[in-house]
Amino acid sequence: MFESITDKINNIFKHLRGLGKLSEQNIADALDEIRSALLSADVNFFVVNNFIQRVKDKCLGQIVIQNVTPEQQFIKIIFDELVQLLGSDTVSALSSKRPMKVLMVGLHGSGKTTSTAKLAYFLKNKVNFSRPLAVGCDIYRPAAIDQLEILSHQAAIDCYVDRQLKDAVKIAITGLQYGEKNGHDLILFDTAGRLQIDEQLINEIKDISTKIHPDEVFLVADGALGQEAANVAKQFHTAVSLTGIILTKLDGDSRAGAALSMKEVTGVSIRYIGMGEKVEAFEIFHPERIAQRILGMGDVVSLVEKAQEQVNEKEAKELEKKLKKGKFDMNDFFNQLQSIKKMGPMESLIKHIPGMHNIEIGTDTNNKLKRTEAIIYSMTAKERTNPSIIDGSRRLRIAKGSGLPVQEVNLLLKNFKQMQAMLKKMKNSRFDLASLFGM
C-alpha cells in the first residue's frame, strides 16, 4: 500500500538534499509536488489543501537546528503532520460491555462479510473474547449467508443465520437473543450494502441499530475507494454514529488515499486494516507506523510482532537446548522456514524494513522457499537428522525426487553446512525466528 505516494515523496526528499537551508521558494516547490502526489493517490482535495497549509506554516516558522539537515527537518514536519492526519497513535479501547455488540456497515463490495469474520478471529485470539458470534443480516446479496458461514468456520467462530426470515431487523433481534441465551461475549452483525448510499440502506441500518443498541459501529471501507471515501464515511457517520473505520484491500492498492482522508473529514478513527485474503490478515491501525511506511522508513515494530506471533516458545526452548549441544539439523531448519512462511509473502515482509520499500521481490525469490522445501521433503528422516551422510548417489536421488537440478541440492547442503558452523559459534546465544531477520 501507499507505494505511489512513497515513491513520489522520497523523490521530493532527494531534491532537498544538499540544500544549505529551507527557503520559502524550495519549500513551496516541494509542497507543490507533495500536493500533486497526494491528489494522484485520491486523497480528498480539501484534506490535501489543509495538510499542505499546516506543513507550510510549520516549515516557515521552523527554527534551524544545528546538526540537522534541511531535508531531515522537512521529513520530521511531514511525518508529524501525517500522524495527526491519520489520527493519534493511541489505539481506541473497545467497549467493556459483555456481550459486546458490533454493527458492521458499508457499501456493497467493501468487504463487510470478510471483515466480520476477520474481526471476530482477531478479537478472539488477541483480545481474549472467548465466544464470538457472527449474525448474518444481509438478506439481499446472493450467497451472503453461505459466505459468512464458510468464513466463520475458517475463523473457528459461531454463526447465526436464518434463511427463511426475509427481514434483516428481525434477524438481528433473534440473533442477539440467540447470542445472549448461549453465552456469547461478542456478537457481530453483518449487514447488507449497496453500490451507493440510498434511503433504503440508511433506514435499514438505522432500524437495526435502534433495536440492538450496538456498542461499536464499524464502517468497512475499501482502501481504493478514492475521493468518494470521505463522503461515504461522513454519510454513514451521520446516520449511525460510527465508532471506528476498518479499511480493507490495502494490500492490493498502491494509492490508498482513503486512509488519509477519512479521519480528517469525519473525526472517526481508523481502527483496523485488512491486509490480505486470509482470516488472520488483519491488524490494528497504528498511525505512527503507517506514516513511517508512507515515508519509506519501514515498520520494524510490526515486523518484529509478526515474527513473535510465529515463535512457539516451547519449540524455541527445545531448539536452544539443541544448539547448546552443537546440534541443528534439517528438521530444525525446515521448521524455521515454516514459521517464516506463516508471517506472509516475502514482498510484504520486505516493505517493513527501512529503505526497502521499493525493492522488487522477483519470482525466483518468491519460489526459493518452495524449492528448498521440495528438496527437504525428498530427504529421508535419517538424512534430515544427519545431513552429513548425503553422498553423491543420495544427492541425485533427492534431486530427482524434488524435480530440481542436483546443483540446487548441492547449494542447499553447502549453505546449510555453513549455517551449522555459524550456529556452533553462537551456541550460547538464543536462536529463534527473529534471529533469521537479524533482530
Protein backbone atom coordinates (compact mmCIF):
# COMPACT_ATOMS: atom_id res chain seq x y z
CA MET A 1 0.00 0.00 0.00
CA PHE A 2 0.92 3.68 -0.47
CA GLU A 3 3.66 2.78 -3.00
CA SER A 4 2.79 5.63 -5.37
CA ILE A 5 2.83 8.22 -2.55
CA THR A 6 6.01 6.78 -1.03
CA ASP A 7 7.98 6.83 -4.28
CA LYS A 8 6.95 10.38 -5.16
CA ILE A 9 7.60 11.80 -1.69
CA ASN A 10 11.01 10.13 -1.50
CA ASN A 11 11.95 11.72 -4.82
CA ILE A 12 10.96 15.08 -3.36
CA PHE A 13 13.17 14.46 -0.32
CA LYS A 14 16.10 13.63 -2.60
CA HIS A 15 15.78 17.04 -4.27
CA LEU A 16 16.12 18.74 -0.87
CA ARG A 17 19.40 17.01 -0.09
CA GLY A 18 22.43 19.24 -0.26
CA LEU A 19 20.46 22.43 0.32
CA GLY A 20 22.01 24.77 2.87
CA LYS A 21 18.66 25.82 4.32
CA LEU A 22 14.91 25.63 3.78
CA SER A 23 13.90 28.75 1.86
CA GLU A 24 10.36 29.86 1.13
CA GLN A 25 10.85 29.01 -2.54
CA ASN A 26 12.20 25.46 -2.17
CA ILE A 27 9.52 24.75 0.47
CA ALA A 28 6.86 25.95 -1.97
CA ASP A 29 8.26 23.78 -4.78
CA ALA A 30 8.41 20.71 -2.53
CA LEU A 31 4.89 21.25 -1.23
CA ASP A 32 3.51 21.65 -4.76
CA GLU A 33 4.95 18.22 -5.60
CA ILE A 34 3.59 16.70 -2.40
CA ARG A 35 0.15 18.17 -3.16
CA SER A 36 0.28 16.57 -6.59
CA ALA A 37 1.37 13.20 -5.11
CA LEU A 38 -1.47 13.17 -2.59
CA LEU A 39 -4.13 14.17 -5.12
CA SER A 40 -2.95 11.48 -7.55
CA ALA A 41 -3.34 8.99 -4.71
CA ASP A 42 -7.01 10.02 -4.40
CA VAL A 43 -6.67 11.87 -1.11
CA ASN A 44 -9.62 14.23 -0.63
CA PHE A 45 -8.99 17.69 -2.17
CA PHE A 46 -9.84 19.70 0.96
CA VAL A 47 -7.82 17.33 3.16
CA VAL A 48 -4.79 17.87 0.90
CA ASN A 49 -5.08 21.64 0.99
CA ASN A 50 -5.40 21.73 4.79
CA PHE A 51 -2.45 19.36 5.17
CA ILE A 52 -0.22 21.39 2.85
CA GLN A 53 -1.08 24.64 4.65
CA ARG A 54 -0.20 23.16 8.07
CA VAL A 55 3.13 21.85 6.77
CA LYS A 56 3.92 25.19 5.14
CA ASP A 57 3.18 27.11 8.35
CA LYS A 58 5.43 24.79 10.35
CA CYS A 59 8.27 24.89 7.82
CA LEU A 60 8.36 28.66 7.61
CA GLY A 61 8.23 29.01 11.38
CA GLN A 62 10.81 26.29 11.98
CA ILE A 63 13.94 27.21 13.90
CA VAL A 64 17.08 25.86 12.22
CA ILE A 65 18.53 23.09 14.38
CA GLN A 66 22.27 22.52 14.38
CA ASN A 67 23.45 19.13 13.06
CA VAL A 68 20.08 18.53 11.37
CA THR A 69 19.87 18.92 7.58
CA PRO A 70 17.02 20.81 5.86
CA GLU A 71 15.86 17.51 4.39
CA GLN A 72 15.68 15.92 7.87
CA GLN A 73 13.77 18.89 9.26
CA PHE A 74 11.30 18.74 6.38
CA ILE A 75 10.80 14.97 6.78
CA LYS A 76 10.15 15.38 10.51
CA ILE A 77 7.47 18.01 9.87
CA ILE A 78 5.81 15.88 7.18
CA PHE A 79 5.92 12.84 9.49
CA ASP A 80 4.33 14.69 12.42
CA GLU A 81 1.55 16.07 10.23
CA LEU A 82 0.88 12.66 8.65
CA VAL A 83 0.45 11.14 12.11
CA GLN A 84 -2.01 13.91 13.01
CA LEU A 85 -3.84 13.38 9.71
CA LEU A 86 -4.17 9.63 10.30
CA GLY A 87 -5.14 10.01 13.95
CA SER A 88 -3.31 9.73 17.25
CA ASP A 89 -1.08 6.71 17.96
CA THR A 90 -3.28 5.73 20.90
CA VAL A 91 -5.39 2.72 19.95
CA SER A 92 -9.01 3.31 20.94
CA ALA A 93 -10.21 0.99 23.69
CA LEU A 94 -13.05 -1.38 22.86
CA SER A 95 -16.29 -1.27 24.81
CA SER A 96 -16.17 -3.15 28.12
CA LYS A 97 -19.77 -4.37 27.82
CA ARG A 98 -20.47 -8.11 27.55
CA PRO A 99 -21.74 -9.27 25.26
CA MET A 100 -20.13 -6.59 23.14
CA LYS A 101 -22.34 -5.86 20.12
CA VAL A 102 -20.62 -4.75 16.90
CA LEU A 103 -22.59 -3.43 13.93
CA MET A 104 -20.73 -3.72 10.61
CA VAL A 105 -21.84 -1.29 7.87
CA GLY A 106 -20.57 -0.25 4.45
CA LEU A 107 -21.14 -0.25 0.70
CA HIS A 108 -21.54 -3.38 -1.41
CA GLY A 109 -18.17 -4.96 -2.18
CA SER A 110 -16.28 -3.21 0.60
CA GLY A 111 -15.52 -6.50 2.37
CA LYS A 112 -18.00 -6.40 5.26
CA THR A 113 -18.59 -10.15 5.47
CA THR A 114 -14.89 -10.97 5.27
CA SER A 115 -14.06 -8.25 7.80
CA THR A 116 -16.75 -9.57 10.17
CA ALA A 117 -15.01 -12.95 10.31
CA LYS A 118 -11.55 -11.35 10.48
CA LEU A 119 -12.51 -9.02 13.33
CA ALA A 120 -14.10 -11.89 15.26
CA TYR A 121 -10.97 -14.01 14.75
CA PHE A 122 -8.71 -11.11 15.80
CA LEU A 123 -10.68 -10.29 18.95
CA LYS A 124 -10.89 -13.96 19.90
CA ASN A 125 -7.16 -14.52 19.56
CA LYS A 126 -5.75 -11.12 20.55
CA VAL A 127 -8.28 -9.63 22.98
CA ASN A 128 -9.48 -12.82 24.67
CA PHE A 129 -13.13 -12.83 23.69
CA SER A 130 -13.96 -16.49 24.24
CA ARG A 131 -17.18 -16.97 22.24
CA PRO A 132 -17.70 -14.69 19.23
CA LEU A 133 -20.91 -14.99 17.20
CA ALA A 134 -21.45 -13.69 13.66
CA VAL A 135 -25.05 -12.84 12.72
CA GLY A 136 -25.95 -12.77 9.02
CA CYS A 137 -28.25 -9.79 8.35
CA ASP A 138 -27.62 -9.50 4.60
CA ILE A 139 -30.83 -10.83 3.01
CA TYR A 140 -30.21 -9.32 -0.44
CA ARG A 141 -26.83 -10.47 -1.76
CA PRO A 142 -26.86 -13.98 -3.23
CA ALA A 143 -24.80 -16.43 -1.17
CA ALA A 144 -24.04 -13.81 1.52
CA ILE A 145 -25.19 -16.21 4.23
CA ASP A 146 -23.16 -19.07 2.73
CA GLN A 147 -20.07 -16.87 2.64
CA LEU A 148 -20.50 -15.85 6.28
CA GLU A 149 -20.91 -19.49 7.34
CA ILE A 150 -17.77 -20.56 5.44
CA LEU A 151 -15.67 -17.69 6.80
CA SER A 152 -16.97 -18.26 10.34
CA HIS A 153 -15.92 -21.89 10.10
CA GLN A 154 -12.44 -20.83 8.91
CA ALA A 155 -12.19 -18.38 11.82
CA ALA A 156 -13.48 -21.02 14.28
CA ILE A 157 -16.36 -18.83 15.47
CA ASP A 158 -20.09 -19.49 15.78
CA CYS A 159 -22.54 -18.21 13.19
CA TYR A 160 -26.28 -17.45 13.38
CA VAL A 161 -28.33 -17.31 10.17
CA ASP A 162 -31.99 -17.62 9.23
CA ARG A 163 -32.63 -18.50 5.59
CA GLN A 164 -36.42 -18.37 5.96
CA LEU A 165 -36.77 -14.91 7.52
CA LYS A 166 -36.61 -12.05 4.99
CA ASP A 167 -36.44 -9.19 7.47
CA ALA A 168 -32.93 -8.01 8.37
CA VAL A 169 -34.10 -6.20 11.52
CA LYS A 170 -35.87 -9.29 12.87
CA ILE A 171 -32.82 -11.44 12.09
CA ALA A 172 -30.66 -9.01 14.06
CA ILE A 173 -33.05 -9.20 17.03
CA THR A 174 -33.30 -13.01 17.03
CA GLY A 175 -29.54 -13.27 16.50
CA LEU A 176 -28.96 -11.06 19.54
CA GLN A 177 -31.37 -13.16 21.62
CA TYR A 178 -29.61 -16.34 20.49
CA GLY A 179 -26.20 -14.90 21.40
CA GLU A 180 -27.32 -13.75 24.85
CA LYS A 181 -29.05 -17.07 25.57
CA ASN A 182 -25.99 -19.12 24.60
CA GLY A 183 -23.39 -17.09 26.47
CA HIS A 184 -21.64 -15.39 23.56
CA ASP A 185 -19.47 -12.49 24.76
CA LEU A 186 -19.04 -10.90 21.31
CA ILE A 187 -21.82 -10.57 18.71
CA LEU A 188 -21.09 -9.11 15.26
CA PHE A 189 -23.89 -8.13 12.87
CA ASP A 190 -23.01 -8.39 9.16
CA THR A 191 -25.40 -6.05 7.33
CA ALA A 192 -26.23 -5.58 3.67
CA GLY A 193 -24.61 -2.98 1.44
CA ARG A 194 -25.50 -1.12 -1.75
CA LEU A 195 -23.48 0.10 -4.70
CA GLN A 196 -24.11 3.58 -3.33
CA ILE A 197 -25.73 5.09 -0.27
CA ASP A 198 -29.52 5.29 -0.59
CA GLU A 199 -32.52 5.83 1.67
CA GLN A 200 -33.37 2.12 1.95
CA LEU A 201 -29.86 1.22 3.08
CA ILE A 202 -29.69 4.01 5.65
CA ASN A 203 -33.15 3.27 7.05
CA GLU A 204 -32.35 -0.43 7.45
CA ILE A 205 -29.11 0.06 9.37
CA LYS A 206 -30.79 2.77 11.47
CA ASP A 207 -33.56 0.31 12.38
CA ILE A 208 -31.07 -2.43 13.22
CA SER A 209 -29.05 -0.02 15.34
CA THR A 210 -32.16 1.15 17.21
CA LYS A 211 -33.16 -2.44 18.04
CA ILE A 212 -29.80 -3.93 19.07
CA HIS A 213 -28.11 -0.83 20.59
CA PRO A 214 -24.58 -1.63 19.32
CA ASP A 215 -21.53 -0.86 21.48
CA GLU A 216 -19.34 -0.40 18.40
CA VAL A 217 -20.33 0.63 14.86
CA PHE A 218 -17.61 -0.02 12.31
CA LEU A 219 -17.67 1.29 8.76
CA VAL A 220 -15.94 -1.17 6.44
CA ALA A 221 -14.45 0.80 3.55
CA ASP A 222 -12.46 -0.23 0.50
CA GLY A 223 -9.00 1.36 0.67
CA ALA A 224 -9.20 2.03 -3.07
CA LEU A 225 -12.49 3.96 -2.82
CA GLY A 226 -10.64 7.19 -3.55
CA GLN A 227 -12.15 10.67 -3.43
CA GLU A 228 -15.59 9.28 -2.56
CA ALA A 229 -14.28 7.62 0.63
CA ALA A 230 -14.59 10.70 2.82
CA ASN A 231 -18.14 11.43 1.64
CA VAL A 232 -19.26 7.83 2.24
CA ALA A 233 -17.78 7.85 5.74
CA LYS A 234 -19.46 11.16 6.51
CA GLN A 235 -22.92 9.93 5.44
CA PHE A 236 -22.68 6.70 7.43
CA HIS A 237 -21.43 8.61 10.46
CA THR A 238 -24.40 10.98 10.27
CA ALA A 239 -26.79 8.01 10.07
CA VAL A 240 -25.49 5.68 12.79
CA SER A 241 -22.67 7.45 14.69
CA LEU A 242 -19.63 5.42 13.72
CA THR A 243 -17.16 4.46 16.44
CA GLY A 244 -14.45 3.33 14.04
CA ILE A 245 -13.41 2.54 10.48
CA ILE A 246 -11.98 -0.68 9.04
CA LEU A 247 -10.01 -0.17 5.82
CA THR A 248 -9.85 -3.20 3.53
CA LYS A 249 -7.86 -4.31 0.49
CA LEU A 250 -4.85 -2.13 1.34
CA ASP A 251 -2.56 -4.92 0.12
CA GLY A 252 -3.88 -4.52 -3.41
CA ASP A 253 -3.94 -0.76 -3.88
CA SER A 254 -0.79 1.33 -4.13
CA ARG A 255 -2.64 4.65 -3.64
CA ALA A 256 -4.83 4.05 -0.57
CA GLY A 257 -5.79 7.72 -0.36
CA ALA A 258 -8.88 6.82 1.67
CA ALA A 259 -6.68 6.25 4.72
CA LEU A 260 -5.51 9.85 4.54
CA SER A 261 -8.98 11.35 4.15
CA MET A 262 -11.46 9.65 6.45
CA LYS A 263 -10.19 10.68 9.87
CA GLU A 264 -9.83 14.33 8.86
CA VAL A 265 -13.34 14.55 7.39
CA THR A 266 -15.32 12.55 9.95
CA GLY A 267 -13.29 12.76 13.14
CA VAL A 268 -13.74 8.96 13.39
CA SER A 269 -10.57 6.93 13.88
CA ILE A 270 -9.41 4.16 11.58
CA ARG A 271 -9.26 1.23 14.00
CA TYR A 272 -8.25 -1.78 11.87
CA ILE A 273 -6.91 -2.61 8.41
CA GLY A 274 -7.28 -5.70 6.24
CA MET A 275 -4.06 -6.69 4.51
CA GLY A 276 -4.92 -9.86 2.58
CA GLU A 277 -7.42 -12.64 1.93
CA LYS A 278 -6.57 -14.92 4.86
CA VAL A 279 -8.66 -14.64 8.01
CA GLU A 280 -5.59 -13.69 10.06
CA ALA A 281 -4.58 -10.91 7.60
CA PHE A 282 -5.98 -8.22 9.85
CA GLU A 283 -4.27 -5.77 12.17
CA ILE A 284 -4.70 -2.73 14.37
CA PHE A 285 -4.22 0.59 12.57
CA HIS A 286 -1.23 2.41 14.09
CA PRO A 287 -1.00 5.94 12.59
CA GLU A 288 2.66 6.35 13.52
CA ARG A 289 3.66 3.08 11.84
CA ILE A 290 1.60 3.85 8.74
CA ALA A 291 3.23 7.29 8.48
CA GLN A 292 6.63 5.58 8.62
CA ARG A 293 5.63 3.26 5.77
CA ILE A 294 4.37 6.19 3.67
CA LEU A 295 7.71 7.98 4.08
CA GLY A 296 9.70 4.81 3.26
CA MET A 297 11.01 4.46 6.82
CA GLY A 298 9.78 0.87 7.12
CA ASP A 299 7.91 -0.59 10.06
CA VAL A 300 10.26 -2.76 12.07
CA VAL A 301 7.94 -2.91 15.10
CA SER A 302 5.19 -4.62 13.08
CA LEU A 303 7.74 -7.00 11.55
CA VAL A 304 9.01 -8.00 15.00
CA GLU A 305 5.42 -8.54 16.15
CA LYS A 306 4.74 -10.78 13.15
CA ALA A 307 7.85 -12.79 13.97
CA GLN A 308 6.97 -13.12 17.64
CA GLU A 309 3.50 -14.41 16.77
CA GLN A 310 5.02 -17.34 14.89
CA VAL A 311 7.56 -18.32 17.52
CA ASN A 312 6.44 -21.32 19.53
CA GLU A 313 8.05 -20.74 22.93
CA LYS A 314 8.28 -24.46 23.72
CA GLU A 315 9.88 -25.25 20.36
CA ALA A 316 12.25 -22.28 20.75
CA LYS A 317 13.48 -23.57 24.13
CA GLU A 318 13.97 -27.07 22.74
CA LEU A 319 15.92 -25.62 19.82
CA GLU A 320 18.02 -23.59 22.24
CA LYS A 321 18.96 -26.77 24.12
CA LYS A 322 19.98 -28.48 20.87
CA LEU A 323 22.13 -25.54 19.86
CA LYS A 324 23.93 -25.55 23.19
CA LYS A 325 24.88 -29.13 22.39
CA GLY A 326 26.07 -28.03 18.95
CA LYS A 327 23.16 -29.66 17.12
CA PHE A 328 21.00 -28.18 14.38
CA ASP A 329 19.57 -30.47 11.68
CA MET A 330 17.40 -30.19 8.60
CA ASN A 331 14.25 -30.75 10.65
CA ASP A 332 15.03 -27.62 12.69
CA PHE A 333 15.83 -25.67 9.55
CA PHE A 334 12.56 -26.81 7.93
CA ASN A 335 10.53 -25.75 10.99
CA GLN A 336 12.07 -22.27 10.86
CA LEU A 337 11.15 -21.97 7.19
CA GLN A 338 7.53 -22.85 8.01
CA SER A 339 7.43 -20.11 10.65
CA ILE A 340 8.72 -17.54 8.14
CA LYS A 341 6.07 -18.59 5.62
CA LYS A 342 3.32 -18.04 8.20
CA MET A 343 4.40 -14.41 8.52
CA GLY A 344 3.23 -13.71 4.98
CA PRO A 345 4.62 -13.21 1.45
CA MET A 346 8.24 -12.05 1.25
CA GLU A 347 7.27 -8.99 -0.79
CA SER A 348 5.01 -7.94 2.09
CA LEU A 349 7.66 -8.54 4.76
CA ILE A 350 10.43 -6.72 2.90
CA LYS A 351 8.42 -3.46 2.86
CA HIS A 352 8.56 -3.36 6.67
CA ILE A 353 12.34 -2.95 6.54
CA PRO A 354 13.63 0.68 6.43
CA GLY A 355 14.83 1.71 2.97
CA MET A 356 13.46 -1.42 1.30
CA HIS A 357 10.01 -0.16 0.26
CA ASN A 358 10.93 -0.03 -3.44
CA ILE A 359 12.86 -3.30 -3.60
CA GLU A 360 11.24 -5.69 -6.05
CA ILE A 361 10.97 -9.33 -4.99
CA GLY A 362 11.40 -11.41 -8.13
CA THR A 363 9.70 -14.67 -9.00
CA ASP A 364 12.91 -16.55 -8.22
CA THR A 365 12.99 -15.11 -4.69
CA ASN A 366 9.33 -15.95 -4.13
CA ASN A 367 9.87 -19.53 -5.28
CA LYS A 368 13.11 -20.11 -3.37
CA LEU A 369 11.38 -21.24 -0.17
CA LYS A 370 9.21 -23.64 -2.16
CA ARG A 371 12.24 -25.19 -3.88
CA THR A 372 14.06 -25.52 -0.57
CA GLU A 373 11.02 -27.25 0.92
CA ALA A 374 10.83 -29.64 -2.05
CA ILE A 375 14.44 -30.67 -1.52
CA ILE A 376 13.97 -31.28 2.22
CA TYR A 377 10.72 -33.19 1.58
CA SER A 378 12.68 -35.52 -0.74
CA MET A 379 15.13 -36.47 2.03
CA THR A 380 14.62 -39.48 4.27
CA ALA A 381 14.09 -39.00 8.00
CA LYS A 382 17.64 -40.21 8.57
CA GLU A 383 19.08 -37.73 6.07
CA ARG A 384 17.22 -34.81 7.67
CA THR A 385 18.56 -35.71 11.09
CA ASN A 386 22.11 -36.25 9.82
CA PRO A 387 22.70 -34.39 6.52
CA SER A 388 26.40 -35.33 6.54
CA ILE A 389 25.51 -38.83 5.26
CA ILE A 390 24.15 -37.40 2.00
CA ASP A 391 26.70 -38.58 -0.58
CA GLY A 392 26.66 -38.28 -4.37
CA SER A 393 24.09 -41.01 -5.04
CA ARG A 394 21.77 -39.69 -2.34
CA ARG A 395 22.03 -36.18 -3.82
CA LEU A 396 20.99 -37.49 -7.23
CA ARG A 397 18.01 -39.30 -5.68
CA ILE A 398 16.96 -36.19 -3.76
CA ALA A 399 17.27 -34.02 -6.90
CA LYS A 400 15.13 -36.47 -8.85
CA GLY A 401 12.54 -36.61 -6.07
CA SER A 402 12.28 -32.82 -5.81
CA GLY A 403 12.29 -32.28 -9.58
CA LEU A 404 15.22 -29.87 -9.28
CA PRO A 405 18.80 -29.89 -10.61
CA VAL A 406 21.38 -31.59 -8.41
CA GLN A 407 23.24 -28.26 -8.31
CA GLU A 408 20.43 -26.81 -6.20
CA VAL A 409 20.67 -29.74 -3.78
CA ASN A 410 24.43 -29.19 -3.55
CA LEU A 411 23.97 -25.46 -2.91
CA LEU A 412 21.41 -26.05 -0.15
CA LEU A 413 23.68 -28.58 1.60
CA LYS A 414 26.64 -26.21 1.28
CA ASN A 415 24.69 -23.30 2.74
CA PHE A 416 23.31 -25.50 5.49
CA LYS A 417 26.81 -26.66 6.44
CA GLN A 418 27.94 -23.03 6.69
CA MET A 419 24.89 -22.25 8.83
CA GLN A 420 25.72 -25.14 11.15
CA ALA A 421 29.27 -23.84 11.57
CA MET A 422 28.00 -20.35 12.33
CA LEU A 423 25.47 -21.62 14.85
CA LYS A 424 28.10 -23.67 16.67
CA LYS A 425 29.99 -20.44 17.27
CA MET A 426 26.76 -18.86 18.52
CA LYS A 427 25.59 -21.86 20.54
CA ASN A 428 25.40 -19.86 23.75
CA SER A 429 23.08 -17.32 22.11
CA ARG A 430 19.31 -17.50 21.91
CA PHE A 431 18.14 -18.58 18.44
CA ASP A 432 14.64 -18.25 17.11
CA LEU A 433 12.73 -16.98 14.09
CA ALA A 434 13.54 -13.35 14.80
CA SER A 435 17.27 -14.06 14.54
CA LEU A 436 16.78 -15.04 10.90
CA PHE A 437 15.79 -11.42 10.27
CA GLY A 438 18.74 -10.02 12.22
CA MET A 439 16.57 -8.99 15.19
